[in-house]
Amino acid sequence: MADRELETLRNALREHVNALAVDIGPRTPLDPNSLVRAADYIHSVFEDAGLSVREQDYQYYDQRMTNVLATVPAATDASSYYVVGAHYDTIPGPRVQTTTQALWR
């Protein structure tokens, strides 16, 4: 990857981390609205990237939780596939801030 492409990618990743960790903040079942906002953000980013997006809802105690699933349009000549997964919820407390600060270094 060229330096310019790496810089573009680095800036986009910082923007996404900032949106989730700072703008939305901690995302826990204690604040269900934050989880909805995070899922909506991720959904829109995936759609903007041209991915096919769907949501899979499930119950966690008395709350609706959502998995955001995205797929790349199928390539007829693809010889391999990748599965990538991640949590977008956080642990309550100062770890969110510490993790975010570490990413800015």
Protein backbone atom coordinates (compact mmCIF):
# COMPACT_ATOMS: atom_id res chain seq x y z
CA MET A 1 0.00 0.00 0.00
CA ALA A 2 1.30 3.45 -0.88
CA ASP A 3 1.96 6.03 1.85
CA ARG A 4 -0.99 8.13 0.67
CA GLU A 5 -3.34 5.15 0.90
CA LEU A 6 -2.07 4.29 4.37
CA GLU A 7 -2.63 7.85 5.53
CA THR A 8 -6.17 7.81 4.13
CA LEU A 9 -6.87 4.51 5.89
CA ARG A 10 -5.31 5.76 9.15
CA ASN A 11 -7.48 8.90 9.08
CA ALA A 12 -10.65 6.92 8.37
CA LEU A 13 -9.94 4.53 11.24
CA ARG A 14 -9.34 7.44 13.62
CA GLU A 15 -12.61 8.99 12.51
CA HIS A 16 -14.50 5.75 13.21
CA VAL A 17 -12.85 5.24 16.60
CA ASN A 18 -13.63 8.85 17.52
CA ALA A 19 -17.26 8.48 16.44
CA LEU A 20 -17.74 5.35 18.54
CA ALA A 21 -15.55 6.10 21.56
CA VAL A 22 -15.99 9.86 21.90
CA ASP A 23 -19.16 10.98 20.12
CA ILE A 24 -21.25 7.98 21.18
CA GLY A 25 -19.14 7.05 24.20
CA PRO A 26 -19.49 3.95 26.37
CA ARG A 27 -21.84 1.41 24.83
CA THR A 28 -23.33 -0.86 27.46
CA PRO A 29 -26.71 -2.44 28.24
CA LEU A 30 -26.94 0.18 31.00
CA ASP A 31 -27.42 2.77 28.23
CA PRO A 32 -29.37 1.00 25.47
CA ASN A 33 -29.58 4.19 23.39
CA SER A 34 -25.78 4.19 23.01
CA LEU A 35 -25.89 0.68 21.57
CA VAL A 36 -28.62 1.69 19.11
CA ARG A 37 -26.59 4.74 18.05
CA ALA A 38 -23.47 2.59 17.57
CA ALA A 39 -25.34 -0.04 15.55
CA ASP A 40 -26.88 2.70 13.38
CA TYR A 41 -23.45 4.27 12.82
CA ILE A 42 -21.85 0.96 11.86
CA HIS A 43 -24.79 0.10 9.60
CA SER A 44 -24.48 3.40 7.72
CA VAL A 45 -20.68 3.11 7.36
CA PHE A 46 -21.05 -0.39 5.90
CA GLU A 47 -23.77 0.77 3.49
CA ASP A 48 -21.67 3.76 2.43
CA ALA A 49 -18.86 1.29 1.64
CA GLY A 50 -21.17 -0.58 -0.72
CA LEU A 51 -21.72 -3.59 1.50
CA SER A 52 -24.98 -5.47 1.85
CA VAL A 53 -26.11 -4.94 5.45
CA ARG A 54 -28.66 -6.68 7.62
CA GLU A 55 -29.35 -6.70 11.33
CA GLN A 56 -29.89 -9.67 13.60
CA ASP A 57 -31.79 -8.78 16.77
CA TYR A 58 -31.73 -10.83 19.96
CA GLN A 59 -32.79 -10.39 23.57
CA TYR A 60 -30.33 -9.79 26.40
CA TYR A 61 -32.36 -9.92 29.58
CA ASP A 62 -35.13 -7.40 28.83
CA GLN A 63 -33.31 -5.47 26.11
CA ARG A 64 -33.16 -5.77 22.37
CA MET A 65 -29.58 -6.13 21.16
CA THR A 66 -28.43 -6.08 17.54
CA ASN A 67 -25.71 -7.77 15.54
CA VAL A 68 -24.81 -5.81 12.41
CA LEU A 69 -23.93 -8.16 9.54
CA ALA A 70 -22.33 -6.99 6.32
CA THR A 71 -21.27 -8.89 3.23
CA VAL A 72 -19.21 -7.90 0.25
CA PRO A 73 -20.97 -8.42 -3.06
CA ALA A 74 -20.01 -11.88 -4.34
CA ALA A 75 -17.16 -12.12 -6.78
CA THR A 76 -17.51 -14.96 -9.23
CA ASP A 77 -13.78 -15.59 -9.31
CA ALA A 78 -13.12 -15.43 -5.54
CA SER A 79 -10.85 -18.22 -4.38
CA SER A 80 -11.08 -17.47 -0.67
CA TYR A 81 -13.36 -15.78 1.84
CA TYR A 82 -12.77 -14.04 5.15
CA VAL A 83 -14.99 -13.74 8.18
CA VAL A 84 -14.34 -10.74 10.42
CA GLY A 85 -16.10 -10.18 13.73
CA ALA A 86 -15.94 -7.59 16.47
CA HIS A 87 -17.89 -6.31 19.45
CA TYR A 88 -19.12 -2.74 19.44
CA ASP A 89 -20.21 -2.76 23.07
CA THR A 90 -17.82 -1.66 25.81
CA ILE A 91 -17.03 -2.45 29.41
CA PRO A 92 -18.36 0.23 31.78
CA GLY A 93 -15.65 2.42 33.26
CA PRO A 94 -12.43 4.18 32.31
CA ARG A 95 -11.11 1.45 29.96
CA VAL A 96 -12.86 3.07 26.98
CA GLN A 97 -10.96 6.29 27.46
CA THR A 98 -7.66 4.46 28.00
CA THR A 99 -8.14 2.36 24.86
CA THR A 100 -9.04 5.42 22.80
CA GLN A 101 -6.00 7.32 24.07
CA ALA A 102 -3.75 4.37 23.16
CA LEU A 103 -5.06 4.40 19.58
CA TRP A 104 -4.11 8.05 19.10
CA ARG A 105 -0.45 7.38 19.79
